[in-house]
Amino acid sequence: MKKVTTAVRLKQIMQERNIKQVDILELCEPYCIKYNEKMGKSILSQYVSGAVDPGQTKLTILGLALNVNEIWLMGYDVPRERDTVVGIKISMDEQELLDDYHSLNDLGKDEARKRVNELTKLEQYKNNSDKDDDGETVLVAAREGKPPHKIKLKKRDPNKSIFDVPDYGGGRY
C-alpha cells in the first residue's frame, strides 16, 4: 500500500543525511552516465516539490545513487534497503547485474541468460567453493552457535537405484 509520495521520501532522505539537491545530483551522475540519462536541477526540484513523479529509469538512478529500494522511494510500505530480494541479501555487484538485466528488452534478457549459461559450463569461470582440495563435492553445514563445517558427499553408485533400501531383516531402524 502506498503511504507517501516520492517527494516526501526524497525530503526524508535529505533531512536524515543532511544533504541538498545538488548532493543528490552528484550522487546520481555516474548512474546518469551509465544509463545515458540526464537529470538536472530543474527536474530534481520538481521531484522534491512533488510537481512531477520520476519515471522508472529516473527512479532506478535515484535508488542506486541513494542506495534505497525504488519501490520504497515511490512511497510504498516496503523495506527501505536496496539489497534485499525476498529476504536474501545481495551485494552491490549483484544488484548492479540485476539492474543491468532489468534494463534489457526480452530479446536482450534471453541473450544474457544464454551467455551466463555458457559461462557456467566453462571450468575457468566456475565457483568451486563446493569442492574440497581433492575436487570432491562438499556441503557446508552450520548450526546456530556452531562454526560451519564441510561434509564430504559420497558419490552415488550409478548402477543402483535411489530406491534401493537395505533389508535390515525387519529390525528397527
Protein backbone atom coordinates (compact mmCIF):
# COMPACT_ATOMS: atom_id res chain seq x y z
CA MET A 1 0.00 0.00 0.00
CA LYS A 2 1.28 3.44 -0.91
CA LYS A 3 1.80 5.55 2.18
CA VAL A 4 3.52 8.71 0.97
CA THR A 5 4.85 10.36 -2.19
CA THR A 6 8.29 10.25 -3.76
CA ALA A 7 8.66 13.90 -2.79
CA VAL A 8 8.17 13.02 0.90
CA ARG A 9 10.73 10.21 0.64
CA LEU A 10 13.30 12.45 -1.05
CA LYS A 11 12.82 15.15 1.59
CA GLN A 12 13.13 12.49 4.30
CA ILE A 13 16.46 11.28 2.89
CA MET A 14 17.74 14.84 2.50
CA GLN A 15 16.87 15.64 6.10
CA GLU A 16 18.25 12.38 7.56
CA ARG A 17 21.53 12.61 5.64
CA ASN A 18 21.79 16.39 5.83
CA ILE A 19 22.20 16.67 2.07
CA LYS A 20 20.88 19.07 -0.55
CA GLN A 21 19.51 18.57 -4.03
CA VAL A 22 22.91 19.36 -5.52
CA ASP A 23 24.39 16.49 -3.46
CA ILE A 24 21.77 14.11 -4.85
CA LEU A 25 22.65 15.23 -8.37
CA GLU A 26 26.33 14.49 -7.71
CA LEU A 27 25.44 11.03 -6.40
CA CYS A 28 23.29 10.41 -9.49
CA GLU A 29 25.93 11.50 -12.01
CA PRO A 30 27.72 8.13 -12.52
CA TYR A 31 24.39 6.34 -12.97
CA CYS A 32 23.13 9.01 -15.38
CA ILE A 33 26.26 8.44 -17.47
CA LYS A 34 25.85 4.66 -17.29
CA TYR A 35 22.20 4.73 -18.35
CA ASN A 36 22.65 7.67 -20.74
CA GLU A 37 20.08 9.77 -18.87
CA LYS A 38 20.09 13.40 -17.87
CA MET A 39 18.99 14.67 -14.51
CA GLY A 40 19.30 18.38 -13.92
CA LYS A 41 18.48 20.75 -11.10
CA SER A 42 15.10 21.60 -12.56
CA ILE A 43 13.73 18.06 -12.81
CA LEU A 44 15.08 17.05 -9.39
CA SER A 45 13.47 20.16 -7.92
CA GLN A 46 10.16 19.08 -9.46
CA TYR A 47 10.55 15.60 -7.94
CA VAL A 48 11.29 17.07 -4.49
CA SER A 49 8.37 19.51 -4.70
CA GLY A 50 6.00 16.77 -5.82
CA ALA A 51 5.09 18.56 -9.06
CA VAL A 52 6.35 15.58 -11.12
CA ASP A 53 6.86 11.91 -10.30
CA PRO A 54 10.03 10.32 -11.69
CA GLY A 55 9.72 7.60 -14.33
CA GLN A 56 11.20 4.11 -13.93
CA THR A 57 14.68 4.94 -15.21
CA LYS A 58 14.98 8.04 -13.03
CA LEU A 59 13.68 6.07 -10.03
CA THR A 60 16.35 3.43 -10.66
CA ILE A 61 19.04 6.09 -10.84
CA LEU A 62 17.81 7.76 -7.65
CA GLY A 63 17.54 4.39 -5.89
CA LEU A 64 21.08 3.41 -6.88
CA ALA A 65 22.52 6.82 -6.01
CA LEU A 66 20.77 6.97 -2.62
CA ASN A 67 21.12 3.21 -2.00
CA VAL A 68 17.41 2.72 -1.34
CA ASN A 69 14.74 0.48 -2.79
CA GLU A 70 12.94 2.21 -5.69
CA ILE A 71 9.58 0.91 -4.51
CA TRP A 72 10.21 2.43 -1.08
CA LEU A 73 11.27 5.64 -2.82
CA MET A 74 7.91 5.66 -4.64
CA GLY A 75 6.22 5.79 -1.22
CA TYR A 76 5.16 2.19 -0.71
CA ASP A 77 5.37 0.40 2.63
CA VAL A 78 8.27 -1.96 1.78
CA PRO A 79 11.78 -2.36 3.23
CA ARG A 80 13.95 0.66 2.58
CA GLU A 81 17.08 -1.38 1.97
CA ARG A 82 18.05 -1.78 -1.61
CA ASP A 83 19.93 -5.03 -1.21
CA THR A 84 17.11 -7.35 -0.20
CA VAL A 85 15.30 -9.57 -2.62
CA VAL A 86 12.70 -11.75 -0.92
CA GLY A 87 14.74 -11.61 2.27
CA ILE A 88 18.04 -12.52 0.59
CA LYS A 89 20.94 -10.12 1.00
CA ILE A 90 22.81 -9.41 -2.22
CA SER A 91 25.98 -7.46 -2.88
CA MET A 92 26.10 -4.18 -4.77
CA ASP A 93 27.76 -6.03 -7.70
CA GLU A 94 24.85 -8.46 -7.80
CA GLN A 95 22.39 -5.58 -7.58
CA GLU A 96 24.14 -3.84 -10.46
CA LEU A 97 23.88 -7.04 -12.53
CA LEU A 98 20.17 -7.23 -11.77
CA ASP A 99 19.69 -3.58 -12.67
CA ASP A 100 21.55 -4.12 -15.96
CA TYR A 101 19.44 -7.21 -16.66
CA HIS A 102 16.20 -5.33 -15.96
CA SER A 103 17.24 -2.59 -18.38
CA LEU A 104 17.25 -5.13 -21.25
CA ASN A 105 14.30 -5.92 -23.50
CA ASP A 106 13.04 -9.52 -23.78
CA LEU A 107 15.46 -10.37 -26.59
CA GLY A 108 18.39 -8.99 -24.60
CA LYS A 109 17.32 -10.91 -21.48
CA ASP A 110 17.21 -14.17 -23.47
CA GLU A 111 20.70 -13.49 -24.81
CA ALA A 112 22.03 -12.62 -21.34
CA ARG A 113 20.67 -15.89 -19.92
CA LYS A 114 22.29 -17.86 -22.77
CA ARG A 115 25.66 -16.21 -22.22
CA VAL A 116 25.61 -16.72 -18.45
CA ASN A 117 24.62 -20.35 -19.02
CA GLU A 118 27.60 -20.76 -21.40
CA LEU A 119 29.99 -19.24 -18.84
CA THR A 120 28.80 -21.63 -16.12
CA LYS A 121 29.87 -24.57 -18.27
CA LEU A 122 33.48 -23.34 -18.58
CA GLU A 123 35.77 -24.51 -15.75
CA GLN A 124 37.76 -21.27 -15.66
CA TYR A 125 34.64 -19.32 -14.64
CA LYS A 126 33.12 -21.79 -12.17
CA ASN A 127 32.92 -21.06 -8.48
CA ASN A 128 34.38 -24.18 -6.91
CA SER A 129 33.65 -23.28 -3.30
CA ASP A 130 31.65 -26.51 -3.07
CA LYS A 131 34.76 -28.65 -3.74
CA ASP A 132 37.48 -29.73 -1.32
CA ASP A 133 41.21 -29.92 -2.12
CA ASP A 134 40.69 -33.29 -3.87
CA GLY A 135 37.91 -31.93 -6.06
CA GLU A 136 35.26 -33.88 -4.15
CA THR A 137 31.88 -32.24 -3.63
CA VAL A 138 31.29 -30.99 -0.11
CA LEU A 139 28.35 -29.47 1.67
CA VAL A 140 29.00 -26.63 4.09
CA ALA A 141 26.74 -27.02 7.10
CA ALA A 142 26.25 -24.95 10.21
CA ARG A 143 24.01 -24.94 13.23
CA GLU A 144 23.15 -21.99 15.37
CA GLY A 145 26.01 -21.31 17.75
CA LYS A 146 28.36 -23.72 15.94
CA PRO A 147 31.01 -22.89 13.32
CA PRO A 148 30.39 -24.02 9.74
CA HIS A 149 31.98 -27.30 8.71
CA LYS A 150 32.32 -29.25 5.48
CA ILE A 151 30.69 -32.63 4.92
CA LYS A 152 32.09 -34.72 2.06
CA LEU A 153 29.25 -36.09 -0.05
CA LYS A 154 29.52 -39.69 -1.18
CA LYS A 155 29.10 -40.33 -4.86
CA ARG A 156 26.04 -42.37 -5.68
CA ASP A 157 26.60 -45.66 -7.49
CA PRO A 158 25.01 -45.05 -10.90
CA ASN A 159 24.16 -48.77 -11.13
CA LYS A 160 21.95 -48.63 -8.04
CA SER A 161 18.52 -47.13 -7.86
CA ILE A 162 17.98 -44.38 -5.32
CA PHE A 163 15.06 -46.52 -4.15
CA ASP A 164 17.27 -49.49 -3.18
CA VAL A 165 16.98 -49.69 0.58
CA PRO A 166 18.98 -52.28 2.50
CA ASP A 167 16.95 -55.05 4.12
CA TYR A 168 17.54 -54.96 7.87
CA GLY A 169 15.55 -58.15 8.47
CA GLY A 170 12.57 -56.43 10.00
CA GLY A 171 14.61 -54.84 12.76
CA ARG A 172 14.11 -51.34 14.00
CA TYR A 173 15.91 -48.68 12.01
